[in-house]
C-alpha atoms as a PDB file:
ATOM      1  CA  MET A   1      90.702  99.597  87.455  1.00  0.00           C
ATOM      2  CA  THR A   2      90.254 101.519  90.659  1.00  0.00           C
ATOM      3  CA  PHE A   3      93.124 102.757  92.788  1.00  0.00           C
ATOM      4  CA  ALA A   4      92.676 103.697  96.464  1.00  0.00           C
ATOM      5  CA  PHE A   5      94.846 106.346  98.004  1.00  0.00           C
ATOM      6  CA  ARG A   6      95.148 107.032 101.691  1.00  0.00           C
ATOM      7  CA  GLY A   7      96.871 109.756 103.603  1.00  0.00           C
ATOM      8  CA  ARG A   8      97.299 111.039 107.098  1.00  0.00           C
ATOM      9  CA  ILE A   9      97.372 114.757 107.931  1.00  0.00           C
ATOM     10  CA  GLU A  10      99.266 115.349 111.259  1.00  0.00           C
ATOM     11  CA  THR A  11      98.233 118.279 113.406  1.00  0.00           C
ATOM     12  CA  ASN A  12      99.318 119.888 116.691  1.00  0.00           C
ATOM     13  CA  GLY A  13      96.163 118.744 118.467  1.00  0.00           C
ATOM     14  CA  SER A  14      94.585 122.135 118.937  1.00  0.00           C
ATOM     15  CA  GLY A  15      91.638 121.263 116.637  1.00  0.00           C
ATOM     16  CA  GLY A  16      90.192 123.380 113.898  1.00  0.00           C
ATOM     17  CA  ILE A  17      89.543 123.147 110.170  1.00  0.00           C
ATOM     18  CA  ILE A  18      91.744 121.462 107.578  1.00  0.00           C
ATOM     19  CA  GLU A  19      91.152 122.068 103.876  1.00  0.00           C
ATOM     20  CA  TYR A  20      92.800 119.810 101.311  1.00  0.00           C
ATOM     21  CA  GLN A  21      92.478 118.462  97.815  1.00  0.00           C
ATOM     22  CA  TRP A  22      93.843 115.593  95.771  1.00  0.00           C
ATOM     23  CA  ARG A  23      95.616 115.644  92.439  1.00  0.00           C
ATOM     24  CA  THR A  24      94.656 112.468  90.585  1.00  0.00           C
ATOM     25  CA  PRO A  25      96.969 110.400  88.398  1.00  0.00           C
ATOM     26  CA  ASP A  26      95.401 111.900  85.231  1.00  0.00           C
ATOM     27  CA  GLY A  27      96.329 115.432  86.361  1.00  0.00           C
ATOM     28  CA  GLN A  28      92.917 116.545  87.543  1.00  0.00           C
ATOM     29  CA  THR A  29      92.410 118.343  90.905  1.00  0.00           C
ATOM     30  CA  SER A  30      89.629 117.424  93.237  1.00  0.00           C
ATOM     31  CA  ASP A  31      87.245 119.858  94.797  1.00  0.00           C
ATOM     32  CA  VAL A  32      88.430 121.356  98.092  1.00  0.00           C
ATOM     33  CA  ILE A  33      87.552 119.070 101.003  1.00  0.00           C
ATOM     34  CA  THR A  34      86.968 120.502 104.490  1.00  0.00           C
ATOM     35  CA  ALA A  35      87.564 118.427 107.658  1.00  0.00           C
ATOM     36  CA  HIS A  36      86.571 119.619 111.117  1.00  0.00           C
ATOM     37  CA  VAL A  37      89.205 118.280 113.540  1.00  0.00           C
ATOM     38  CA  PRO A  38      88.287 118.134 117.205  1.00  0.00           C
ATOM     39  CA  PRO A  39      90.733 119.275 119.874  1.00  0.00           C
ATOM     40  CA  GLN A  40      93.216 116.701 121.071  1.00  0.00           C
ATOM     41  CA  THR A  41      93.285 115.031 117.625  1.00  0.00           C
ATOM     42  CA  LYS A  42      96.862 114.634 116.376  1.00  0.00           C
ATOM     43  CA  ASP A  43      96.128 113.189 112.937  1.00  0.00           C
ATOM     44  CA  THR A  44      93.310 112.848 110.448  1.00  0.00           C
ATOM     45  CA  ALA A  45      92.964 110.006 107.933  1.00  0.00           C
ATOM     46  CA  VAL A  46      91.957 110.993 104.394  1.00  0.00           C
ATOM     47  CA  SER A  47      91.326 108.883 101.279  1.00  0.00           C
ATOM     48  CA  MET A  48      90.502 109.083  97.605  1.00  0.00           C
ATOM     49  CA  GLN A  49      89.546 106.567  94.981  1.00  0.00           C
ATOM     50  CA  PHE A  50      90.525 106.986  91.321  1.00  0.00           C
ATOM     51  CA  THR A  51      89.138 104.859  88.531  1.00  0.00           C
ATOM     52  CA  PHE A  52      91.118 104.537  85.347  1.00  0.00           C
ATOM     53  CA  THR A  53      88.899 104.456  82.278  1.00  0.00           C
ATOM     54  CA  GLY A  54      90.416 103.977  78.891  1.00  0.00           C
ATOM     55  CA  SER A  55      92.491 101.558  76.893  1.00  0.00           C
ATOM     56  CA  GLY A  56      96.196 101.201  76.582  1.00  0.00           C
ATOM     57  CA  PRO A  57      98.911 101.731  79.181  1.00  0.00           C
ATOM     58  CA  ALA A  58      98.910 104.877  81.331  1.00  0.00           C
ATOM     59  CA  SER A  59     100.738 106.197  84.294  1.00  0.00           C
ATOM     60  CA  GLY A  60     100.566 109.231  86.547  1.00  0.00           C
ATOM     61  CA  ALA A  61     101.051 110.419  90.106  1.00  0.00           C
ATOM     62  CA  ALA A  62      98.620 111.159  92.914  1.00  0.00           C
ATOM     63  CA  THR A  63      99.415 113.859  95.540  1.00  0.00           C
ATOM     64  CA  LEU A  64      97.637 115.230  98.571  1.00  0.00           C
ATOM     65  CA  HIS A  65      97.696 119.024  98.916  1.00  0.00           C
ATOM     66  CA  VAL A  66      96.818 120.500 102.316  1.00  0.00           C
ATOM     67  CA  LEU A  67      95.602 124.071 101.769  1.00  0.00           C
ATOM     68  CA  ARG A  68      94.728 125.156 105.313  1.00  0.00           C
ATOM     69  CA  PRO A  69      95.967 125.810 107.875  1.00  0.00           C
ATOM     70  CA  ALA A  70      99.317 125.664 105.983  1.00  0.00           C
ATOM     71  CA  ALA A  71     100.164 124.738 102.416  1.00  0.00           C
ATOM     72  CA  VAL A  72     101.801 121.327 102.349  1.00  0.00           C
ATOM     73  CA  TYR A  73     102.212 118.750  99.589  1.00  0.00           C
ATOM     74  CA  SER A  74     102.657 115.010 100.007  1.00  0.00           C
ATOM     75  CA  ALA A  75     105.301 113.089  98.077  1.00  0.00           C
ATOM     76  CA  PRO A  76     103.784 111.909  94.798  1.00  0.00           C
ATOM     77  CA  VAL A  77     102.611 108.331  94.516  1.00  0.00           C
ATOM     78  CA  THR A  78     103.156 106.949  90.989  1.00  0.00           C
ATOM     79  CA  VAL A  79     100.710 104.449  89.483  1.00  0.00           C
ATOM     80  CA  THR A  80     100.936 102.568  86.190  1.00  0.00           C
ATOM     81  CA  TYR A  81      98.140 100.804  84.418  1.00  0.00           C
ATOM     82  CA  GLN A  82      98.666  98.029  81.888  1.00  0.00           C
ATOM     83  CA  CYS A  83      95.660  96.588  80.019  1.00  0.00           C
ATOM     84  CA  PRO A  84      94.939  93.011  81.153  1.00  0.00           C
END
């Protein structure tokens, strides 16, 4: 089963570089992702897909972690998987 996560990083509109990473529901951390934000842009949409592989029930939380220009964490989004 694949879960899709979407986030929005709000900025002050001055443009620049945003660096962020995702923490997946299984506790893994993604590579650092760099986004180049043009001036006058007030928010940037980001997304991640996570595919659960395994058997049995499982649950976890996904979070978005902005690293640059300032360290900010999103609220966790909890997902639960039950075998069909």
